[in-house]
Amino acid sequence: MEEVITNLAANGGPLGVIAAGVVYLIIYIQRKQTSEKRNDDTAKLKEQIDELKEELNKEKTEKQLLQKDVAYLLNETTGIKEDIKEMKNTLNTMALALERIASKYDDK
């Protein structure tokens, strides 16, 4: 690119110098526009990344809270299961005792 501008300026005389200046100006403006657009795109992407990071952190917090809730519920369920087993054993014992009592009355 610079070689083209140098050749235009060196070999084209005054018209070449003007053409080189115009080409340089066009290239400069295009590069500046491209740079501004790229910077805008980068800023937008960084903003989106920040929003996604914030959302991810919220989701992680929610997950941790849910894990604590599940652990608590599992512990509670385990205790309830043990209580139910004890009640079942007590009811079985009572049923056997009632059968013995009933069999004594049946024999008479």
PDB file of N, CA and C in Angstrom:
ATOM      1  N   MET A   1       0.827  -1.184   0.000  1.00  0.00           N
ATOM      2  CA  MET A   1       0.000   0.000   0.000  1.00  0.00           C
ATOM      3  C   MET A   1       0.875   1.253   0.000  1.00  0.00           C
ATOM      4  N   GLU A   2       1.880   1.248   0.873  1.00  0.00           N
ATOM      5  CA  GLU A   2       2.766   2.401   0.943  1.00  0.00           C
ATOM      6  C   GLU A   2       3.604   2.529  -0.323  1.00  0.00           C
ATOM      7  N   GLU A   3       3.913   1.373  -0.931  1.00  0.00           N
ATOM      8  CA  GLU A   3       4.681   1.405  -2.179  1.00  0.00           C
ATOM      9  C   GLU A   3       3.890   2.077  -3.285  1.00  0.00           C
ATOM     10  N   VAL A   4       2.597   1.814  -3.340  1.00  0.00           N
ATOM     11  CA  VAL A   4       1.741   2.428  -4.370  1.00  0.00           C
ATOM     12  C   VAL A   4       1.719   3.935  -4.185  1.00  0.00           C
ATOM     13  N   ILE A   5       1.577   4.373  -2.967  1.00  0.00           N
ATOM     14  CA  ILE A   5       1.545   5.821  -2.695  1.00  0.00           C
ATOM     15  C   ILE A   5       2.900   6.444  -3.021  1.00  0.00           C
ATOM     16  N   THR A   6       3.987   5.771  -2.655  1.00  0.00           N
ATOM     17  CA  THR A   6       5.327   6.279  -2.945  1.00  0.00           C
ATOM     18  C   THR A   6       5.560   6.371  -4.456  1.00  0.00           C
ATOM     19  N   ASN A   7       5.150   5.350  -5.193  1.00  0.00           N
ATOM     20  CA  ASN A   7       5.306   5.353  -6.658  1.00  0.00           C
ATOM     21  C   ASN A   7       4.479   6.465  -7.299  1.00  0.00           C
ATOM     22  N   LEU A   8       3.238   6.642  -6.804  1.00  0.00           N
ATOM     23  CA  LEU A   8       2.399   7.718  -7.351  1.00  0.00           C
ATOM     24  C   LEU A   8       3.046   9.082  -7.113  1.00  0.00           C
ATOM     25  N   ALA A   9       3.568   9.276  -5.922  1.00  0.00           N
ATOM     26  CA  ALA A   9       4.176  10.558  -5.593  1.00  0.00           C
ATOM     27  C   ALA A   9       5.464  10.777  -6.378  1.00  0.00           C
ATOM     28  N   ALA A  10       6.261   9.733  -6.561  1.00  0.00           N
ATOM     29  CA  ALA A  10       7.562   9.864  -7.231  1.00  0.00           C
ATOM     30  C   ALA A  10       7.427   9.959  -8.749  1.00  0.00           C
ATOM     31  N   ASN A  11       6.550   9.192  -9.342  1.00  0.00           N
ATOM     32  CA  ASN A  11       6.488   9.105 -10.805  1.00  0.00           C
ATOM     33  C   ASN A  11       5.352   9.911 -11.432  1.00  0.00           C
ATOM     34  N   GLY A  12       4.401  10.333 -10.666  1.00  0.00           N
ATOM     35  CA  GLY A  12       3.231  10.968 -11.250  1.00  0.00           C
ATOM     36  C   GLY A  12       3.279  12.474 -11.291  1.00  0.00           C
ATOM     37  N   GLY A  13       4.336  13.070 -10.795  1.00  0.00           N
ATOM     38  CA  GLY A  13       4.408  14.525 -10.782  1.00  0.00           C
ATOM     39  C   GLY A  13       3.395  15.094  -9.800  1.00  0.00           C
ATOM     40  N   PRO A  14       2.960  16.347 -10.037  1.00  0.00           N
ATOM     41  CA  PRO A  14       2.022  16.980  -9.114  1.00  0.00           C
ATOM     42  C   PRO A  14       0.698  16.220  -9.025  1.00  0.00           C
ATOM     43  N   LEU A  15       0.236  15.694 -10.149  1.00  0.00           N
ATOM     44  CA  LEU A  15      -1.013  14.925 -10.141  1.00  0.00           C
ATOM     45  C   LEU A  15      -0.833  13.640  -9.335  1.00  0.00           C
ATOM     46  N   GLY A  16       0.329  13.051  -9.429  1.00  0.00           N
ATOM     47  CA  GLY A  16       0.629  11.839  -8.656  1.00  0.00           C
ATOM     48  C   GLY A  16       0.645  12.118  -7.169  1.00  0.00           C
ATOM     49  N   VAL A  17       1.211  13.280  -6.811  1.00  0.00           N
ATOM     50  CA  VAL A  17       1.259  13.657  -5.391  1.00  0.00           C
ATOM     51  C   VAL A  17      -0.159  13.848  -4.862  1.00  0.00           C
ATOM     52  N   ILE A  18      -0.995  14.507  -5.644  1.00  0.00           N
ATOM     53  CA  ILE A  18      -2.395  14.724  -5.231  1.00  0.00           C
ATOM     54  C   ILE A  18      -3.117  13.371  -5.131  1.00  0.00           C
ATOM     55  N   ALA A  19      -2.912  12.506  -6.146  1.00  0.00           N
ATOM     56  CA  ALA A  19      -3.547  11.182  -6.128  1.00  0.00           C
ATOM     57  C   ALA A  19      -3.079  10.383  -4.922  1.00  0.00           C
ATOM     58  N   ALA A  20      -1.777  10.460  -4.613  1.00  0.00           N
ATOM     59  CA  ALA A  20      -1.239   9.748  -3.450  1.00  0.00           C
ATOM     60  C   ALA A  20      -1.868  10.271  -2.167  1.00  0.00           C
ATOM     61  N   GLY A  21      -2.016  11.587  -2.095  1.00  0.00           N
ATOM     62  CA  GLY A  21      -2.650  12.192  -0.916  1.00  0.00           C
ATOM     63  C   GLY A  21      -4.099  11.745  -0.769  1.00  0.00           C
ATOM     64  N   VAL A  22      -4.823  11.709  -1.895  1.00  0.00           N
ATOM     65  CA  VAL A  22      -6.232  11.283  -1.855  1.00  0.00           C
ATOM     66  C   VAL A  22      -6.320   9.816  -1.430  1.00  0.00           C
ATOM     67  N   VAL A  23      -5.456   8.958  -2.021  1.00  0.00           N
ATOM     68  CA  VAL A  23      -5.453   7.537  -1.661  1.00  0.00           C
ATOM     69  C   VAL A  23      -5.124   7.372  -0.186  1.00  0.00           C
ATOM     70  N   TYR A  24      -4.118   8.122   0.279  1.00  0.00           N
ATOM     71  CA  TYR A  24      -3.747   8.044   1.692  1.00  0.00           C
ATOM     72  C   TYR A  24      -4.908   8.471   2.581  1.00  0.00           C
ATOM     73  N   LEU A  25      -5.570   9.559   2.216  1.00  0.00           N
ATOM     74  CA  LEU A  25      -6.698  10.058   2.999  1.00  0.00           C
ATOM     75  C   LEU A  25      -7.831   9.040   3.042  1.00  0.00           C
ATOM     76  N   ILE A  26      -8.136   8.431   1.902  1.00  0.00           N
ATOM     77  CA  ILE A  26      -9.197   7.409   1.853  1.00  0.00           C
ATOM     78  C   ILE A  26      -8.849   6.231   2.752  1.00  0.00           C
ATOM     79  N   ILE A  27      -7.597   5.772   2.638  1.00  0.00           N
ATOM     80  CA  ILE A  27      -7.168   4.643   3.474  1.00  0.00           C
ATOM     81  C   ILE A  27      -7.222   5.011   4.948  1.00  0.00           C
ATOM     82  N   TYR A  28      -6.774   6.218   5.282  1.00  0.00           N
ATOM     83  CA  TYR A  28      -6.780   6.668   6.672  1.00  0.00           C
ATOM     84  C   TYR A  28      -8.205   6.693   7.222  1.00  0.00           C
ATOM     85  N   ILE A  29      -9.137   7.243   6.461  1.00  0.00           N
ATOM     86  CA  ILE A  29     -10.535   7.334   6.905  1.00  0.00           C
ATOM     87  C   ILE A  29     -11.143   5.943   7.069  1.00  0.00           C
ATOM     88  N   GLN A  30     -10.867   5.045   6.109  1.00  0.00           N
ATOM     89  CA  GLN A  30     -11.400   3.690   6.207  1.00  0.00           C
ATOM     90  C   GLN A  30     -10.847   2.958   7.423  1.00  0.00           C
ATOM     91  N   ARG A  31      -9.564   3.108   7.669  1.00  0.00           N
ATOM     92  CA  ARG A  31      -8.962   2.460   8.835  1.00  0.00           C
ATOM     93  C   ARG A  31      -9.539   3.015  10.139  1.00  0.00           C
ATOM     94  N   LYS A  32      -9.750   4.327  10.159  1.00  0.00           N
ATOM     95  CA  LYS A  32     -10.308   4.950  11.357  1.00  0.00           C
ATOM     96  C   LYS A  32     -11.729   4.437  11.609  1.00  0.00           C
ATOM     97  N   GLN A  33     -12.540   4.365  10.543  1.00  0.00           N
ATOM     98  CA  GLN A  33     -13.907   3.866  10.683  1.00  0.00           C
ATOM     99  C   GLN A  33     -13.911   2.407  11.146  1.00  0.00           C
ATOM    100  N   THR A  34     -13.022   1.631  10.544  1.00  0.00           N
ATOM    101  CA  THR A  34     -12.921   0.220  10.931  1.00  0.00           C
ATOM    102  C   THR A  34     -12.508   0.096  12.393  1.00  0.00           C
ATOM    103  N   SER A  35     -11.560   0.915  12.796  1.00  0.00           N
ATOM    104  CA  SER A  35     -11.092   0.901  14.177  1.00  0.00           C
ATOM    105  C   SER A  35     -12.211   1.278  15.138  1.00  0.00           C
ATOM    106  N   GLU A  36     -12.965   2.314  14.820  1.00  0.00           N
ATOM    107  CA  GLU A  36     -14.066   2.747  15.681  1.00  0.00           C
ATOM    108  C   GLU A  36     -15.130   1.653  15.785  1.00  0.00           C
ATOM    109  N   LYS A  37     -15.458   1.042  14.640  1.00  0.00           N
ATOM    110  CA  LYS A  37     -16.462  -0.025  14.659  1.00  0.00           C
ATOM    111  C   LYS A  37     -15.962  -1.200  15.486  1.00  0.00           C
ATOM    112  N   ARG A  38     -14.687  -1.564  15.315  1.00  0.00           N
ATOM    113  CA  ARG A  38     -14.120  -2.673  16.068  1.00  0.00           C
ATOM    114  C   ARG A  38     -14.132  -2.359  17.566  1.00  0.00           C
ATOM    115  N   ASN A  39     -13.796  -1.119  17.918  1.00  0.00           N
ATOM    116  CA  ASN A  39     -13.813  -0.729  19.329  1.00  0.00           C
ATOM    117  C   ASN A  39     -15.229  -0.773  19.889  1.00  0.00           C
ATOM    118  N   ASP A  40     -16.206  -0.317  19.104  1.00  0.00           N
ATOM    119  CA  ASP A  40     -17.604  -0.386  19.537  1.00  0.00           C
ATOM    120  C   ASP A  40     -18.048  -1.832  19.719  1.00  0.00           C
ATOM    121  N   ASP A  41     -17.695  -2.666  18.747  1.00  0.00           N
ATOM    122  CA  ASP A  41     -18.056  -4.089  18.841  1.00  0.00           C
ATOM    123  C   ASP A  41     -17.409  -4.732  20.065  1.00  0.00           C
ATOM    124  N   THR A  42     -16.154  -4.391  20.305  1.00  0.00           N
ATOM    125  CA  THR A  42     -15.443  -4.935  21.464  1.00  0.00           C
ATOM    126  C   THR A  42     -16.099  -4.490  22.759  1.00  0.00           C
ATOM    127  N   ALA A  43     -16.474  -3.214  22.834  1.00  0.00           N
ATOM    128  CA  ALA A  43     -17.124  -2.700  24.043  1.00  0.00           C
ATOM    129  C   ALA A  43     -18.463  -3.402  24.277  1.00  0.00           C
ATOM    130  N   LYS A  44     -19.224  -3.612  23.206  1.00  0.00           N
ATOM    131  CA  LYS A  44     -20.512  -4.308  23.339  1.00  0.00           C
ATOM    132  C   LYS A  44     -20.305  -5.747  23.803  1.00  0.00           C
ATOM    133  N   LEU A  45     -19.313  -6.404  23.227  1.00  0.00           N
ATOM    134  CA  LEU A  45     -19.036  -7.790  23.624  1.00  0.00           C
ATOM    135  C   LEU A  45     -18.583  -7.874  25.084  1.00  0.00           C
ATOM    136  N   LYS A  46     -17.750  -6.915  25.503  1.00  0.00           N
ATOM    137  CA  LYS A  46     -17.316  -6.900  26.905  1.00  0.00           C
ATOM    138  C   LYS A  46     -18.508  -6.693  27.833  1.00  0.00           C
ATOM    139  N   GLU A  47     -19.427  -5.823  27.435  1.00  0.00           N
ATOM    140  CA  GLU A  47     -20.632  -5.588  28.230  1.00  0.00           C
ATOM    141  C   GLU A  47     -21.472  -6.856  28.317  1.00  0.00           C
ATOM    142  N   GLN A  48     -21.624  -7.552  27.198  1.00  0.00           N
ATOM    143  CA  GLN A  48     -22.381  -8.801  27.203  1.00  0.00           C
ATOM    144  C   GLN A  48     -21.694  -9.851  28.072  1.00  0.00           C
ATOM    145  N   ILE A  49     -20.372  -9.908  28.006  1.00  0.00           N
ATOM    146  CA  ILE A  49     -19.623 -10.861  28.832  1.00  0.00           C
ATOM    147  C   ILE A  49     -19.831 -10.554  30.309  1.00  0.00           C
ATOM    148  N   ASP A  50     -19.785  -9.267  30.665  1.00  0.00           N
ATOM    149  CA  ASP A  50     -19.996  -8.879  32.062  1.00  0.00           C
ATOM    150  C   ASP A  50     -21.393  -9.278  32.529  1.00  0.00           C
ATOM    151  N   GLU A  51     -22.397  -9.059  31.674  1.00  0.00           N
ATOM    152  CA  GLU A  51     -23.767  -9.447  32.025  1.00  0.00           C
ATOM    153  C   GLU A  51     -23.883 -10.957  32.197  1.00  0.00           C
ATOM    154  N   LEU A  52     -23.229 -11.701  31.304  1.00  0.00           N
ATOM    155  CA  LEU A  52     -23.276 -13.161  31.398  1.00  0.00           C
ATOM    156  C   LEU A  52     -22.548 -13.656  32.649  1.00  0.00           C
ATOM    157  N   LYS A  53     -21.434 -12.993  33.002  1.00  0.00           N
ATOM    158  CA  LYS A  53     -20.723 -13.379  34.219  1.00  0.00           C
ATOM    159  C   LYS A  53     -21.594 -13.135  35.442  1.00  0.00           C
ATOM    160  N   GLU A  54     -22.282 -12.002  35.444  1.00  0.00           N
ATOM    161  CA  GLU A  54     -23.172 -11.685  36.560  1.00  0.00           C
ATOM    162  C   GLU A  54     -24.303 -12.715  36.657  1.00  0.00           C
ATOM    163  N   GLU A  55     -24.869 -13.061  35.519  1.00  0.00           N
ATOM    164  CA  GLU A  55     -25.933 -14.062  35.496  1.00  0.00           C
ATOM    165  C   GLU A  55     -25.410 -15.420  35.949  1.00  0.00           C
ATOM    166  N   LEU A  56     -24.203 -15.768  35.518  1.00  0.00           N
ATOM    167  CA  LEU A  56     -23.590 -17.033  35.922  1.00  0.00           C
ATOM    168  C   LEU A  56     -23.379 -17.070  37.435  1.00  0.00           C
ATOM    169  N   ASN A  57     -22.920 -15.966  38.001  1.00  0.00           N
ATOM    170  CA  ASN A  57     -22.723 -15.910  39.452  1.00  0.00           C
ATOM    171  C   ASN A  57     -24.045 -16.087  40.189  1.00  0.00           C
ATOM    172  N   LYS A  58     -25.106 -15.469  39.672  1.00  0.00           N
ATOM    173  CA  LYS A  58     -26.423 -15.640  40.289  1.00  0.00           C
ATOM    174  C   LYS A  58     -26.856 -17.098  40.221  1.00  0.00           C
ATOM    175  N   GLU A  59     -26.633 -17.725  39.072  1.00  0.00           N
ATOM    176  CA  GLU A  59     -27.011 -19.127  38.908  1.00  0.00           C
ATOM    177  C   GLU A  59     -26.195 -20.023  39.842  1.00  0.00           C
ATOM    178  N   LYS A  60     -24.921 -19.713  40.014  1.00  0.00           N
ATOM    179  CA  LYS A  60     -24.089 -20.494  40.927  1.00  0.00           C
ATOM    180  C   LYS A  60     -24.609 -20.374  42.354  1.00  0.00           C
ATOM    181  N   THR A  61     -24.983 -19.154  42.738  1.00  0.00           N
ATOM    182  CA  THR A  61     -25.525 -18.938  44.080  1.00  0.00           C
ATOM    183  C   THR A  61     -26.814 -19.719  44.254  1.00  0.00           C
ATOM    184  N   GLU A  62     -27.697 -19.658  43.257  1.00  0.00           N
ATOM    185  CA  GLU A  62     -28.959 -20.407  43.311  1.00  0.00           C
ATOM    186  C   GLU A  62     -28.682 -21.904  43.431  1.00  0.00           C
ATOM    187  N   LYS A  63     -27.711 -22.385  42.688  1.00  0.00           N
ATOM    188  CA  LYS A  63     -27.373 -23.809  42.723  1.00  0.00           C
ATOM    189  C   LYS A  63     -26.904 -24.208  44.118  1.00  0.00           C
ATOM    190  N   GLN A  64     -26.056 -23.372  44.715  1.00  0.00           N
ATOM    191  CA  GLN A  64     -25.562 -23.675  46.051  1.00  0.00           C
ATOM    192  C   GLN A  64     -26.703 -23.696  47.065  1.00  0.00           C
ATOM    193  N   LEU A  65     -27.616 -22.747  46.940  1.00  0.00           N
ATOM    194  CA  LEU A  65     -28.757 -22.714  47.853  1.00  0.00           C
ATOM    195  C   LEU A  65     -29.638 -23.947  47.670  1.00  0.00           C
ATOM    196  N   LEU A  66     -29.854 -24.339  46.425  1.00  0.00           N
ATOM    197  CA  LEU A  66     -30.646 -25.536  46.159  1.00  0.00           C
ATOM    198  C   LEU A  66     -29.962 -26.789  46.707  1.00  0.00           C
ATOM    199  N   GLN A  67     -28.647 -26.844  46.576  1.00  0.00           N
ATOM    200  CA  GLN A  67     -27.915 -27.994  47.110  1.00  0.00           C
ATOM    201  C   GLN A  67     -28.063 -28.068  48.629  1.00  0.00           C
ATOM    202  N   LYS A  68     -28.023 -26.923  49.284  1.00  0.00           N
ATOM    203  CA  LYS A  68     -28.223 -26.907  50.735  1.00  0.00           C
ATOM    204  C   LYS A  68     -29.632 -27.362  51.087  1.00  0.00           C
ATOM    205  N   ASP A  69     -30.622 -26.893  50.324  1.00  0.00           N
ATOM    206  CA  ASP A  69     -32.003 -27.301  50.569  1.00  0.00           C
ATOM    207  C   ASP A  69     -32.176 -28.801  50.382  1.00  0.00           C
ATOM    208  N   VAL A  70     -31.579 -29.329  49.317  1.00  0.00           N
ATOM    209  CA  VAL A  70     -31.683 -30.766  49.053  1.00  0.00           C
ATOM    210  C   VAL A  70     -31.010 -31.559  50.173  1.00  0.00           C
ATOM    211  N   ALA A  71     -29.846 -31.121  50.602  1.00  0.00           N
ATOM    212  CA  ALA A  71     -29.149 -31.815  51.689  1.00  0.00           C
ATOM    213  C   ALA A  71     -29.994 -31.794  52.958  1.00  0.00           C
ATOM    214  N   TYR A  72     -30.596 -30.654  53.251  1.00  0.00           N
ATOM    215  CA  TYR A  72     -31.448 -30.549  54.439  1.00  0.00           C
ATOM    216  C   TYR A  72     -32.637 -31.500  54.328  1.00  0.00           C
ATOM    217  N   LEU A  73     -33.275 -31.497  53.148  1.00  0.00           N
ATOM    218  CA  LEU A  73     -34.428 -32.372  52.956  1.00  0.00           C
ATOM    219  C   LEU A  73     -34.046 -33.847  53.039  1.00  0.00           C
ATOM    220  N   LEU A  74     -32.888 -34.193  52.506  1.00  0.00           N
ATOM    221  CA  LEU A  74     -32.430 -35.581  52.605  1.00  0.00           C
ATOM    222  C   LEU A  74     -32.216 -35.986  54.061  1.00  0.00           C
ATOM    223  N   ASN A  75     -31.632 -35.087  54.843  1.00  0.00           N
ATOM    224  CA  ASN A  75     -31.431 -35.377  56.266  1.00  0.00           C
ATOM    225  C   ASN A  75     -32.761 -35.529  56.984  1.00  0.00           C
ATOM    226  N   GLU A  76     -33.703 -34.658  56.663  1.00  0.00           N
ATOM    227  CA  GLU A  76     -35.026 -34.738  57.271  1.00  0.00           C
ATOM    228  C   GLU A  76     -35.724 -36.032  56.874  1.00  0.00           C
ATOM    229  N   THR A  77     -35.603 -36.403  55.617  1.00  0.00           N
ATOM    230  CA  THR A  77     -36.240 -37.617  55.132  1.00  0.00           C
ATOM    231  C   THR A  77     -35.650 -38.838  55.815  1.00  0.00           C
ATOM    232  N   THR A  78     -34.359 -38.846  56.017  1.00  0.00           N
ATOM    233  CA  THR A  78     -33.711 -39.971  56.684  1.00  0.00           C
ATOM    234  C   THR A  78     -34.261 -40.122  58.095  1.00  0.00           C
ATOM    235  N   GLY A  79     -34.411 -39.029  58.800  1.00  0.00           N
ATOM    236  CA  GLY A  79     -34.973 -39.075  60.151  1.00  0.00           C
ATOM    237  C   GLY A  79     -36.402 -39.580  60.146  1.00  0.00           C
ATOM    238  N   ILE A  80     -37.175 -39.149  59.170  1.00  0.00           N
ATOM    239  CA  ILE A  80     -38.569 -39.579  59.072  1.00  0.00           C
ATOM    240  C   ILE A  80     -38.634 -41.068  58.758  1.00  0.00           C
ATOM    241  N   LYS A  81     -37.763 -41.532  57.883  1.00  0.00           N
ATOM    242  CA  LYS A  81     -37.749 -42.960  57.552  1.00  0.00           C
ATOM    243  C   LYS A  81     -37.462 -43.794  58.802  1.00  0.00           C
ATOM    244  N   GLU A  82     -36.507 -43.347  59.604  1.00  0.00           N
ATOM    245  CA  GLU A  82     -36.197 -44.066  60.840  1.00  0.00           C
ATOM    246  C   GLU A  82     -37.402 -44.057  61.782  1.00  0.00           C
ATOM    247  N   ASP A  83     -38.074 -42.927  61.893  1.00  0.00           N
ATOM    248  CA  ASP A  83     -39.269 -42.841  62.742  1.00  0.00           C
ATOM    249  C   ASP A  83     -40.356 -43.791  62.259  1.00  0.00           C
ATOM    250  N   ILE A  84     -40.547 -43.854  60.968  1.00  0.00           N
ATOM    251  CA  ILE A  84     -41.568 -44.739  60.398  1.00  0.00           C
ATOM    252  C   ILE A  84     -41.215 -46.201  60.680  1.00  0.00           C
ATOM    253  N   LYS A  85     -39.940 -46.565  60.555  1.00  0.00           N
ATOM    254  CA  LYS A  85     -39.516 -47.934  60.856  1.00  0.00           C
ATOM    255  C   LYS A  85     -39.811 -48.274  62.316  1.00  0.00           C
ATOM    256  N   GLU A  86     -39.522 -47.342  63.210  1.00  0.00           N
ATOM    257  CA  GLU A  86     -39.787 -47.571  64.628  1.00  0.00           C
ATOM    258  C   GLU A  86     -41.281 -47.730  64.879  1.00  0.00           C
ATOM    259  N   MET A  87     -42.102 -46.876  64.244  1.00  0.00           N
ATOM    260  CA  MET A  87     -43.552 -46.995  64.405  1.00  0.00           C
ATOM    261  C   MET A  87     -44.052 -48.339  63.878  1.00  0.00           C
ATOM    262  N   LYS A  88     -43.495 -48.756  62.754  1.00  0.00           N
ATOM    263  CA  LYS A  88     -43.890 -50.032  62.151  1.00  0.00           C
ATOM    264  C   LYS A  88     -43.554 -51.189  63.096  1.00  0.00           C
ATOM    265  N   ASN A  89     -42.362 -51.153  63.654  1.00  0.00           N
ATOM    266  CA  ASN A  89     -41.978 -52.198  64.614  1.00  0.00           C
ATOM    267  C   ASN A  89     -42.889 -52.189  65.837  1.00  0.00           C
ATOM    268  N   THR A  90     -43.212 -51.000  66.340  1.00  0.00           N
ATOM    269  CA  THR A  90     -44.106 -50.893  67.494  1.00  0.00           C
ATOM    270  C   THR A  90     -45.483 -51.460  67.156  1.00  0.00           C
ATOM    271  N   LEU A  91     -45.992 -51.101  65.960  1.00  0.00           N
ATOM    272  CA  LEU A  91     -47.307 -51.623  65.558  1.00  0.00           C
ATOM    273  C   LEU A  91     -47.279 -53.138  65.388  1.00  0.00           C
ATOM    274  N   ASN A  92     -46.193 -53.682  64.846  1.00  0.00           N
ATOM    275  CA  ASN A  92     -46.068 -55.135  64.718  1.00  0.00           C
ATOM    276  C   ASN A  92     -46.050 -55.806  66.088  1.00  0.00           C
ATOM    277  N   THR A  93     -45.333 -55.210  67.018  1.00  0.00           N
ATOM    278  CA  THR A  93     -45.279 -55.748  68.387  1.00  0.00           C
ATOM    279  C   THR A  93     -46.658 -55.718  69.020  1.00  0.00           C
ATOM    280  N   MET A  94     -47.362 -54.607  68.835  1.00  0.00           N
ATOM    281  CA  MET A  94     -48.718 -54.490  69.390  1.00  0.00           C
ATOM    282  C   MET A  94     -49.657 -55.512  68.746  1.00  0.00           C
ATOM    283  N   ALA A  95     -49.510 -55.706  67.430  1.00  0.00           N
ATOM    284  CA  ALA A  95     -50.363 -56.671  66.733  1.00  0.00           C
ATOM    285  C   ALA A  95     -50.116 -58.077  67.263  1.00  0.00           C
ATOM    286  N   LEU A  96     -48.854 -58.436  67.497  1.00  0.00           N
ATOM    287  CA  LEU A  96     -48.544 -59.750  68.056  1.00  0.00           C
ATOM    288  C   LEU A  96     -49.126 -59.895  69.457  1.00  0.00           C
ATOM    289  N   ALA A  97     -49.013 -58.854  70.249  1.00  0.00           N
ATOM    290  CA  ALA A  97     -49.553 -58.896  71.616  1.00  0.00           C
ATOM    291  C   ALA A  97     -51.071 -59.058  71.580  1.00  0.00           C
ATOM    292  N   LEU A  98     -51.729 -58.338  70.666  1.00  0.00           N
ATOM    293  CA  LEU A  98     -53.185 -58.460  70.550  1.00  0.00           C
ATOM    294  C   LEU A  98     -53.589 -59.858  70.070  1.00  0.00           C
ATOM    295  N   GLU A  99     -52.789 -60.447  69.186  1.00  0.00           N
ATOM    296  CA  GLU A  99     -53.071 -61.812  68.719  1.00  0.00           C
ATOM    297  C   GLU A  99     -52.943 -62.800  69.872  1.00  0.00           C
ATOM    298  N   ARG A 100     -51.970 -62.638  70.729  1.00  0.00           N
ATOM    299  CA  ARG A 100     -51.795 -63.518  71.884  1.00  0.00           C
ATOM    300  C   ARG A 100     -52.981 -63.387  72.844  1.00  0.00           C
ATOM    301  N   ILE A 101     -53.363 -62.126  73.058  1.00  0.00           N
ATOM    302  CA  ILE A 101     -54.518 -61.901  73.946  1.00  0.00           C
ATOM    303  C   ILE A 101     -55.760 -62.518  73.334  1.00  0.00           C
ATOM    304  N   ALA A 102     -55.952 -62.317  72.051  1.00  0.00           N
ATOM    305  CA  ALA A 102     -57.142 -62.858  71.378  1.00  0.00           C
ATOM    306  C   ALA A 102     -57.113 -64.374  71.389  1.00  0.00           C
ATOM    307  N   SER A 103     -55.941 -64.977  71.252  1.00  0.00           N
ATOM    308  CA  SER A 103     -55.881 -66.439  71.245  1.00  0.00           C
ATOM    309  C   SER A 103     -56.210 -67.003  72.619  1.00  0.00           C
ATOM    310  N   LYS A 104     -55.895 -66.302  73.689  1.00  0.00           N
ATOM    311  CA  LYS A 104     -56.260 -66.742  75.037  1.00  0.00           C
ATOM    312  C   LYS A 104     -57.767 -66.765  75.191  1.00  0.00           C
ATOM    313  N   TYR A 105     -58.438 -65.785  74.641  1.00  0.00           N
ATOM    314  CA  TYR A 105     -59.908 -65.724  74.752  1.00  0.00           C
ATOM    315  C   TYR A 105     -60.583 -66.728  73.813  1.00  0.00           C
ATOM    316  N   ASP A 106     -59.920 -67.024  72.697  1.00  0.00           N
ATOM    317  CA  ASP A 106     -60.470 -68.020  71.772  1.00  0.00           C
ATOM    318  C   ASP A 106     -60.413 -69.420  72.355  1.00  0.00           C
ATOM    319  N   ASP A 107     -59.409 -69.699  73.155  1.00  0.00           N
ATOM    320  CA  ASP A 107     -59.245 -71.024  73.741  1.00  0.00           C
ATOM    321  C   ASP A 107     -60.324 -71.292  74.781  1.00  0.00           C
ATOM    322  N   LYS A 108     -60.906 -70.338  75.392  1.00  0.00           N
ATOM    323  CA  LYS A 108     -61.872 -70.547  76.466  1.00  0.00           C
ATOM    324  C   LYS A 108     -63.230 -70.740  75.956  1.00  0.00           C
TER     325      LYS A 108
END
